[in-house]
PDB file of N, CA and C in Angstrom:
ATOM      1  N   MET A   1     -27.895 -37.949 -34.113  1.00  0.00           N
ATOM      2  CA  MET A   1     -29.194 -37.854 -33.498  1.00  0.00           C
ATOM      3  C   MET A   1     -29.069 -38.151 -32.015  1.00  0.00           C
ATOM      4  N   ASN A   2     -28.093 -37.577 -31.366  1.00  0.00           N
ATOM      5  CA  ASN A   2     -27.900 -37.777 -29.940  1.00  0.00           C
ATOM      6  C   ASN A   2     -28.711 -36.764 -29.165  1.00  0.00           C
ATOM      7  N   LYS A   3     -29.831 -37.219 -28.613  1.00  0.00           N
ATOM      8  CA  LYS A   3     -30.644 -36.362 -27.777  1.00  0.00           C
ATOM      9  C   LYS A   3     -30.318 -36.693 -26.334  1.00  0.00           C
ATOM     10  N   PRO A   4     -30.182 -35.680 -25.484  1.00  0.00           N
ATOM     11  CA  PRO A   4     -29.945 -35.998 -24.083  1.00  0.00           C
ATOM     12  C   PRO A   4     -31.175 -36.677 -23.497  1.00  0.00           C
ATOM     13  N   MET A   5     -30.939 -37.695 -22.700  1.00  0.00           N
ATOM     14  CA  MET A   5     -32.041 -38.392 -22.067  1.00  0.00           C
ATOM     15  C   MET A   5     -32.532 -37.558 -20.893  1.00  0.00           C
ATOM     16  N   PRO A   6     -33.840 -37.387 -20.769  1.00  0.00           N
ATOM     17  CA  PRO A   6     -34.346 -36.615 -19.645  1.00  0.00           C
ATOM     18  C   PRO A   6     -34.046 -37.321 -18.330  1.00  0.00           C
ATOM     19  N   SER A   7     -33.952 -36.543 -17.282  1.00  0.00           N
ATOM     20  CA  SER A   7     -33.685 -37.109 -15.966  1.00  0.00           C
ATOM     21  C   SER A   7     -34.952 -37.806 -15.475  1.00  0.00           C
ATOM     22  N   VAL A   8     -34.884 -39.105 -15.363  1.00  0.00           N
ATOM     23  CA  VAL A   8     -36.042 -39.893 -14.943  1.00  0.00           C
ATOM     24  C   VAL A   8     -35.600 -40.928 -13.928  1.00  0.00           C
ATOM     25  N   ARG A   9     -36.577 -41.467 -13.223  1.00  0.00           N
ATOM     26  CA  ARG A   9     -36.279 -42.576 -12.313  1.00  0.00           C
ATOM     27  C   ARG A   9     -36.008 -43.821 -13.125  1.00  0.00           C
ATOM     28  N   ARG A  10     -34.977 -44.505 -12.772  1.00  0.00           N
ATOM     29  CA  ARG A  10     -34.620 -45.717 -13.500  1.00  0.00           C
ATOM     30  C   ARG A  10     -34.939 -46.950 -12.657  1.00  0.00           C
ATOM     31  N   LYS A  11     -35.239 -48.032 -13.345  1.00  0.00           N
ATOM     32  CA  LYS A  11     -35.541 -49.293 -12.684  1.00  0.00           C
ATOM     33  C   LYS A  11     -34.589 -50.345 -13.231  1.00  0.00           C
ATOM     34  N   ALA A  12     -33.943 -51.040 -12.344  1.00  0.00           N
ATOM     35  CA  ALA A  12     -33.029 -52.109 -12.757  1.00  0.00           C
ATOM     36  C   ALA A  12     -33.833 -53.244 -13.387  1.00  0.00           C
ATOM     37  N   THR A  13     -33.260 -53.825 -14.430  1.00  0.00           N
ATOM     38  CA  THR A  13     -33.915 -54.938 -15.107  1.00  0.00           C
ATOM     39  C   THR A  13     -32.847 -55.851 -15.695  1.00  0.00           C
ATOM     40  N   ASN A  14     -33.221 -57.046 -16.010  1.00  0.00           N
ATOM     41  CA  ASN A  14     -32.305 -57.990 -16.653  1.00  0.00           C
ATOM     42  C   ASN A  14     -32.730 -58.160 -18.101  1.00  0.00           C
ATOM     43  N   ILE A  15     -31.765 -58.138 -19.001  1.00  0.00           N
ATOM     44  CA  ILE A  15     -32.049 -58.366 -20.414  1.00  0.00           C
ATOM     45  C   ILE A  15     -31.018 -59.336 -20.968  1.00  0.00           C
ATOM     46  N   SER A  16     -31.375 -59.966 -22.046  1.00  0.00           N
ATOM     47  CA  SER A  16     -30.441 -60.849 -22.747  1.00  0.00           C
ATOM     48  C   SER A  16     -30.045 -60.172 -24.043  1.00  0.00           C
ATOM     49  N   LEU A  17     -28.747 -60.091 -24.284  1.00  0.00           N
ATOM     50  CA  LEU A  17     -28.224 -59.441 -25.478  1.00  0.00           C
ATOM     51  C   LEU A  17     -27.298 -60.382 -26.221  1.00  0.00           C
ATOM     52  N   ASP A  18     -27.173 -60.147 -27.506  1.00  0.00           N
ATOM     53  CA  ASP A  18     -26.212 -60.871 -28.324  1.00  0.00           C
ATOM     54  C   ASP A  18     -24.830 -60.640 -27.718  1.00  0.00           C
ATOM     55  N   SER A  19     -24.134 -61.705 -27.366  1.00  0.00           N
ATOM     56  CA  SER A  19     -22.850 -61.571 -26.670  1.00  0.00           C
ATOM     57  C   SER A  19     -21.812 -60.834 -27.508  1.00  0.00           C
ATOM     58  N   GLY A  20     -21.856 -61.010 -28.819  1.00  0.00           N
ATOM     59  CA  GLY A  20     -20.925 -60.295 -29.690  1.00  0.00           C
ATOM     60  C   GLY A  20     -21.176 -58.795 -29.667  1.00  0.00           C
ATOM     61  N   LEU A  21     -22.443 -58.416 -29.705  1.00  0.00           N
ATOM     62  CA  LEU A  21     -22.783 -56.992 -29.636  1.00  0.00           C
ATOM     63  C   LEU A  21     -22.374 -56.401 -28.295  1.00  0.00           C
ATOM     64  N   LEU A  22     -22.626 -57.139 -27.240  1.00  0.00           N
ATOM     65  CA  LEU A  22     -22.280 -56.666 -25.903  1.00  0.00           C
ATOM     66  C   LEU A  22     -20.773 -56.461 -25.772  1.00  0.00           C
ATOM     67  N   GLU A  23     -20.009 -57.412 -26.266  1.00  0.00           N
ATOM     68  CA  GLU A  23     -18.543 -57.313 -26.206  1.00  0.00           C
ATOM     69  C   GLU A  23     -18.045 -56.099 -26.995  1.00  0.00           C
ATOM     70  N   GLU A  24     -18.603 -55.909 -28.184  1.00  0.00           N
ATOM     71  CA  GLU A  24     -18.180 -54.776 -29.008  1.00  0.00           C
ATOM     72  C   GLU A  24     -18.591 -53.444 -28.378  1.00  0.00           C
ATOM     73  N   ALA A  25     -19.783 -53.393 -27.816  1.00  0.00           N
ATOM     74  CA  ALA A  25     -20.234 -52.164 -27.151  1.00  0.00           C
ATOM     75  C   ALA A  25     -19.314 -51.818 -25.989  1.00  0.00           C
ATOM     76  N   ARG A  26     -18.930 -52.811 -25.236  1.00  0.00           N
ATOM     77  CA  ARG A  26     -18.013 -52.566 -24.110  1.00  0.00           C
ATOM     78  C   ARG A  26     -16.653 -52.089 -24.613  1.00  0.00           C
ATOM     79  N   ALA A  27     -16.199 -52.643 -25.733  1.00  0.00           N
ATOM     80  CA  ALA A  27     -14.913 -52.228 -26.297  1.00  0.00           C
ATOM     81  C   ALA A  27     -14.945 -50.753 -26.694  1.00  0.00           C
ATOM     82  N   PHE A  28     -16.106 -50.278 -27.131  1.00  0.00           N
ATOM     83  CA  PHE A  28     -16.256 -48.872 -27.508  1.00  0.00           C
ATOM     84  C   PHE A  28     -16.747 -48.010 -26.343  1.00  0.00           C
ATOM     85  N   GLN A  29     -16.810 -48.598 -25.172  1.00  0.00           N
ATOM     86  CA  GLN A  29     -17.256 -47.916 -23.956  1.00  0.00           C
ATOM     87  C   GLN A  29     -18.640 -47.289 -24.127  1.00  0.00           C
ATOM     88  N   ILE A  30     -19.516 -48.020 -24.768  1.00  0.00           N
ATOM     89  CA  ILE A  30     -20.897 -47.573 -24.956  1.00  0.00           C
ATOM     90  C   ILE A  30     -21.678 -47.896 -23.693  1.00  0.00           C
ATOM     91  N   ASN A  31     -22.447 -46.934 -23.222  1.00  0.00           N
ATOM     92  CA  ASN A  31     -23.294 -47.139 -22.058  1.00  0.00           C
ATOM     93  C   ASN A  31     -24.458 -48.033 -22.491  1.00  0.00           C
ATOM     94  N   ILE A  32     -24.440 -49.269 -22.038  1.00  0.00           N
ATOM     95  CA  ILE A  32     -25.419 -50.269 -22.465  1.00  0.00           C
ATOM     96  C   ILE A  32     -26.835 -49.848 -22.083  1.00  0.00           C
ATOM     97  N   SER A  33     -27.009 -49.372 -20.862  1.00  0.00           N
ATOM     98  CA  SER A  33     -28.342 -48.962 -20.415  1.00  0.00           C
ATOM     99  C   SER A  33     -28.902 -47.855 -21.289  1.00  0.00           C
ATOM    100  N   ARG A  34     -28.081 -46.849 -21.573  1.00  0.00           N
ATOM    101  CA  ARG A  34     -28.557 -45.716 -22.382  1.00  0.00           C
ATOM    102  C   ARG A  34     -28.828 -46.158 -23.824  1.00  0.00           C
ATOM    103  N   ALA A  35     -27.981 -47.027 -24.341  1.00  0.00           N
ATOM    104  CA  ALA A  35     -28.194 -47.523 -25.702  1.00  0.00           C
ATOM    105  C   ALA A  35     -29.503 -48.313 -25.777  1.00  0.00           C
ATOM    106  N   CYS A  36     -29.758 -49.130 -24.771  1.00  0.00           N
ATOM    107  CA  CYS A  36     -31.015 -49.889 -24.732  1.00  0.00           C
ATOM    108  C   CYS A  36     -32.206 -48.944 -24.606  1.00  0.00           C
ATOM    109  N   GLU A  37     -32.077 -47.913 -23.775  1.00  0.00           N
ATOM    110  CA  GLU A  37     -33.154 -46.928 -23.622  1.00  0.00           C
ATOM    111  C   GLU A  37     -33.462 -46.255 -24.952  1.00  0.00           C
ATOM    112  N   ARG A  38     -32.418 -45.848 -25.663  1.00  0.00           N
ATOM    113  CA  ARG A  38     -32.637 -45.176 -26.948  1.00  0.00           C
ATOM    114  C   ARG A  38     -33.317 -46.117 -27.942  1.00  0.00           C
ATOM    115  N   GLY A  39     -32.843 -47.349 -27.987  1.00  0.00           N
ATOM    116  CA  GLY A  39     -33.457 -48.319 -28.891  1.00  0.00           C
ATOM    117  C   GLY A  39     -34.906 -48.587 -28.533  1.00  0.00           C
ATOM    118  N   LEU A  40     -35.182 -48.719 -27.246  1.00  0.00           N
ATOM    119  CA  LEU A  40     -36.546 -48.956 -26.789  1.00  0.00           C
ATOM    120  C   LEU A  40     -37.426 -47.744 -27.080  1.00  0.00           C
ATOM    121  N   ALA A  41     -36.906 -46.546 -26.851  1.00  0.00           N
ATOM    122  CA  ALA A  41     -37.663 -45.321 -27.143  1.00  0.00           C
ATOM    123  C   ALA A  41     -37.989 -45.238 -28.633  1.00  0.00           C
ATOM    124  N   ASP A  42     -37.039 -45.599 -29.488  1.00  0.00           N
ATOM    125  CA  ASP A  42     -37.280 -45.595 -30.934  1.00  0.00           C
ATOM    126  C   ASP A  42     -38.373 -46.596 -31.307  1.00  0.00           C
ATOM    127  N   GLN A  43     -38.324 -47.780 -30.719  1.00  0.00           N
ATOM    128  CA  GLN A  43     -39.330 -48.803 -31.005  1.00  0.00           C
ATOM    129  C   GLN A  43     -40.715 -48.359 -30.538  1.00  0.00           C
ATOM    130  N   ILE A  44     -40.774 -47.724 -29.370  1.00  0.00           N
ATOM    131  CA  ILE A  44     -42.050 -47.228 -28.849  1.00  0.00           C
ATOM    132  C   ILE A  44     -42.603 -46.142 -29.766  1.00  0.00           C
ATOM    133  N   ALA A  45     -41.755 -45.226 -30.212  1.00  0.00           N
ATOM    134  CA  ALA A  45     -42.200 -44.159 -31.114  1.00  0.00           C
ATOM    135  C   ALA A  45     -42.757 -44.749 -32.409  1.00  0.00           C
ATOM    136  N   GLU A  46     -42.082 -45.754 -32.938  1.00  0.00           N
ATOM    137  CA  GLU A  46     -42.552 -46.403 -34.160  1.00  0.00           C
ATOM    138  C   GLU A  46     -43.892 -47.097 -33.931  1.00  0.00           C
ATOM    139  N   ALA A  47     -44.027 -47.779 -32.794  1.00  0.00           N
ATOM    140  CA  ALA A  47     -45.283 -48.461 -32.477  1.00  0.00           C
ATOM    141  C   ALA A  47     -46.417 -47.455 -32.296  1.00  0.00           C
ATOM    142  N   ARG A  48     -46.127 -46.323 -31.650  1.00  0.00           N
ATOM    143  CA  ARG A  48     -47.152 -45.281 -31.480  1.00  0.00           C
ATOM    144  C   ARG A  48     -47.599 -44.741 -32.833  1.00  0.00           C
ATOM    145  N   GLU A  49     -46.641 -44.511 -33.726  1.00  0.00           N
ATOM    146  CA  GLU A  49     -46.985 -44.003 -35.058  1.00  0.00           C
ATOM    147  C   GLU A  49     -47.855 -45.002 -35.803  1.00  0.00           C
ATOM    148  N   GLN A  50     -47.487 -46.272 -35.760  1.00  0.00           N
ATOM    149  CA  GLN A  50     -48.277 -47.302 -36.434  1.00  0.00           C
ATOM    150  C   GLN A  50     -49.676 -47.384 -35.838  1.00  0.00           C
ATOM    151  N   GLN A  51     -49.769 -47.276 -34.503  1.00  0.00           N
ATOM    152  CA  GLN A  51     -51.069 -47.320 -33.838  1.00  0.00           C
ATOM    153  C   GLN A  51     -51.914 -46.119 -34.245  1.00  0.00           C
ATOM    154  N   TRP A  52     -51.284 -44.932 -34.300  1.00  0.00           N
ATOM    155  CA  TRP A  52     -52.011 -43.728 -34.699  1.00  0.00           C
ATOM    156  C   TRP A  52     -52.536 -43.872 -36.119  1.00  0.00           C
ATOM    157  N   ARG A  53     -51.686 -44.384 -37.014  1.00  0.00           N
ATOM    158  CA  ARG A  53     -52.115 -44.569 -38.405  1.00  0.00           C
ATOM    159  C   ARG A  53     -53.286 -45.550 -38.492  1.00  0.00           C
ATOM    160  N   ALA A  54     -53.225 -46.628 -37.721  1.00  0.00           N
ATOM    161  CA  ALA A  54     -54.316 -47.604 -37.721  1.00  0.00           C
ATOM    162  C   ALA A  54     -55.588 -46.986 -37.145  1.00  0.00           C
ATOM    163  N   ASP A  55     -55.450 -46.251 -36.046  1.00  0.00           N
ATOM    164  CA  ASP A  55     -56.610 -45.629 -35.404  1.00  0.00           C
ATOM    165  C   ASP A  55     -57.263 -44.578 -36.294  1.00  0.00           C
ATOM    166  N   ASN A  56     -56.483 -43.922 -37.135  1.00  0.00           N
ATOM    167  CA  ASN A  56     -56.986 -42.817 -37.948  1.00  0.00           C
ATOM    168  C   ASN A  56     -57.100 -43.151 -39.435  1.00  0.00           C
ATOM    169  N   ALA A  57     -56.956 -44.415 -39.782  1.00  0.00           N
ATOM    170  CA  ALA A  57     -56.972 -44.816 -41.192  1.00  0.00           C
ATOM    171  C   ALA A  57     -58.274 -44.421 -41.882  1.00  0.00           C
ATOM    172  N   ASP A  58     -59.411 -44.624 -41.219  1.00  0.00           N
ATOM    173  CA  ASP A  58     -60.694 -44.287 -41.837  1.00  0.00           C
ATOM    174  C   ASP A  58     -60.814 -42.790 -42.091  1.00  0.00           C
ATOM    175  N   ALA A  59     -60.418 -41.983 -41.116  1.00  0.00           N
ATOM    176  CA  ALA A  59     -60.500 -40.527 -41.268  1.00  0.00           C
ATOM    177  C   ALA A  59     -59.564 -40.044 -42.372  1.00  0.00           C
ATOM    178  N   LEU A  60     -58.364 -40.602 -42.429  1.00  0.00           N
ATOM    179  CA  LEU A  60     -57.418 -40.208 -43.474  1.00  0.00           C
ATOM    180  C   LEU A  60     -57.930 -40.602 -44.858  1.00  0.00           C
ATOM    181  N   ALA A  61     -58.491 -41.794 -44.960  1.00  0.00           N
ATOM    182  CA  ALA A  61     -59.039 -42.245 -46.243  1.00  0.00           C
ATOM    183  C   ALA A  61     -60.206 -41.358 -46.659  1.00  0.00           C
ATOM    184  N   SER A  62     -61.059 -40.994 -45.710  1.00  0.00           N
ATOM    185  CA  SER A  62     -62.191 -40.116 -45.998  1.00  0.00           C
ATOM    186  C   SER A  62     -61.715 -38.750 -46.479  1.00  0.00           C
ATOM    187  N   SER A  63     -60.712 -38.214 -45.815  1.00  0.00           N
ATOM    188  CA  SER A  63     -60.156 -36.915 -46.209  1.00  0.00           C
ATOM    189  C   SER A  63     -59.551 -36.993 -47.605  1.00  0.00           C
ATOM    190  N   ASN A  64     -58.829 -38.059 -47.883  1.00  0.00           N
ATOM    191  CA  ASN A  64     -58.227 -38.231 -49.208  1.00  0.00           C
ATOM    192  C   ASN A  64     -59.295 -38.355 -50.294  1.00  0.00           C
ATOM    193  N   ARG A  65     -60.378 -39.084 -49.987  1.00  0.00           N
ATOM    194  CA  ARG A  65     -61.476 -39.210 -50.955  1.00  0.00           C
ATOM    195  C   ARG A  65     -62.113 -37.847 -51.226  1.00  0.00           C
ATOM    196  N   HIS A  66     -62.290 -37.072 -50.167  1.00  0.00           N
ATOM    197  CA  HIS A  66     -62.883 -35.739 -50.319  1.00  0.00           C
ATOM    198  C   HIS A  66     -62.020 -34.869 -51.234  1.00  0.00           C
ATOM    199  N   VAL A  67     -60.712 -34.893 -51.032  1.00  0.00           N
ATOM    200  CA  VAL A  67     -59.813 -34.096 -51.870  1.00  0.00           C
ATOM    201  C   VAL A  67     -59.842 -34.602 -53.311  1.00  0.00           C
ATOM    202  N   GLU A  68     -59.902 -35.919 -53.493  1.00  0.00           N
ATOM    203  CA  GLU A  68     -59.985 -36.468 -54.849  1.00  0.00           C
ATOM    204  C   GLU A  68     -61.272 -36.031 -55.543  1.00  0.00           C
ATOM    205  N   ASP A  69     -62.380 -36.025 -54.786  1.00  0.00           N
ATOM    206  CA  ASP A  69     -63.677 -35.661 -55.364  1.00  0.00           C
ATOM    207  C   ASP A  69     -63.838 -34.155 -55.539  1.00  0.00           C
ATOM    208  N   GLN A  70     -63.423 -33.391 -54.551  1.00  0.00           N
ATOM    209  CA  GLN A  70     -63.695 -31.954 -54.525  1.00  0.00           C
ATOM    210  C   GLN A  70     -62.486 -31.087 -54.863  1.00  0.00           C
ATOM    211  N   GLY A  71     -61.320 -31.670 -54.861  1.00  0.00           N
ATOM    212  CA  GLY A  71     -60.100 -30.898 -55.073  1.00  0.00           C
ATOM    213  C   GLY A  71     -59.586 -30.328 -53.757  1.00  0.00           C
ATOM    214  N   VAL A  72     -58.442 -29.690 -53.836  1.00  0.00           N
ATOM    215  CA  VAL A  72     -57.817 -29.110 -52.648  1.00  0.00           C
ATOM    216  C   VAL A  72     -58.584 -27.849 -52.259  1.00  0.00           C
ATOM    217  N   PRO A  73     -58.974 -27.726 -50.987  1.00  0.00           N
ATOM    218  CA  PRO A  73     -59.677 -26.512 -50.567  1.00  0.00           C
ATOM    219  C   PRO A  73     -58.842 -25.267 -50.874  1.00  0.00           C
ATOM    220  N   LEU A  74     -59.505 -24.243 -51.370  1.00  0.00           N
ATOM    221  CA  LEU A  74     -58.883 -22.956 -51.686  1.00  0.00           C
ATOM    222  C   LEU A  74     -57.821 -23.060 -52.782  1.00  0.00           C
ATOM    223  N   ALA A  75     -57.897 -24.094 -53.601  1.00  0.00           N
ATOM    224  CA  ALA A  75     -56.902 -24.284 -54.666  1.00  0.00           C
ATOM    225  C   ALA A  75     -56.886 -23.102 -55.629  1.00  0.00           C
ATOM    226  N   GLY A  76     -58.019 -22.434 -55.794  1.00  0.00           N
ATOM    227  CA  GLY A  76     -58.090 -21.301 -56.702  1.00  0.00           C
ATOM    228  C   GLY A  76     -57.259 -20.111 -56.262  1.00  0.00           C
ATOM    229  N   PHE A  77     -56.879 -20.092 -55.001  1.00  0.00           N
ATOM    230  CA  PHE A  77     -56.094 -18.981 -54.475  1.00  0.00           C
ATOM    231  C   PHE A  77     -54.590 -19.245 -54.498  1.00  0.00           C
ATOM    232  N   ARG A  78     -54.199 -20.428 -54.952  1.00  0.00           N
ATOM    233  CA  ARG A  78     -52.771 -20.757 -55.007  1.00  0.00           C
ATOM    234  C   ARG A  78     -52.064 -19.896 -56.035  1.00  0.00           C
ATOM    235  N   ARG A  79     -50.823 -19.597 -55.771  1.00  0.00           N
ATOM    236  CA  ARG A  79     -50.023 -18.819 -56.712  1.00  0.00           C
ATOM    237  C   ARG A  79     -48.921 -19.670 -57.334  1.00  0.00           C
ATOM    238  N   PHE A  80     -48.989 -20.982 -57.183  1.00  0.00           N
ATOM    239  CA  PHE A  80     -47.982 -21.865 -57.758  1.00  0.00           C
ATOM    240  C   PHE A  80     -48.656 -22.991 -58.486  1.00  0.00           C
TER     241      PHE A  80
END
């Protein structure tokens, strides 16, 4: 799942990492900044998904109730 990182402006920052992980990453010549970016991007995507689910929980529940009560729209036209 290696996606190229888009060309963006970067900002220097200080972070604290597990020293064992840092040592091992350096041994494998892993780009620490890029690895942190990927991890942070994954966490942000997960948080956005959770936020979307929370924001839309009522609408999703309403839609599910409608399908339970009325059935799947156009179900009579299904061929499976």
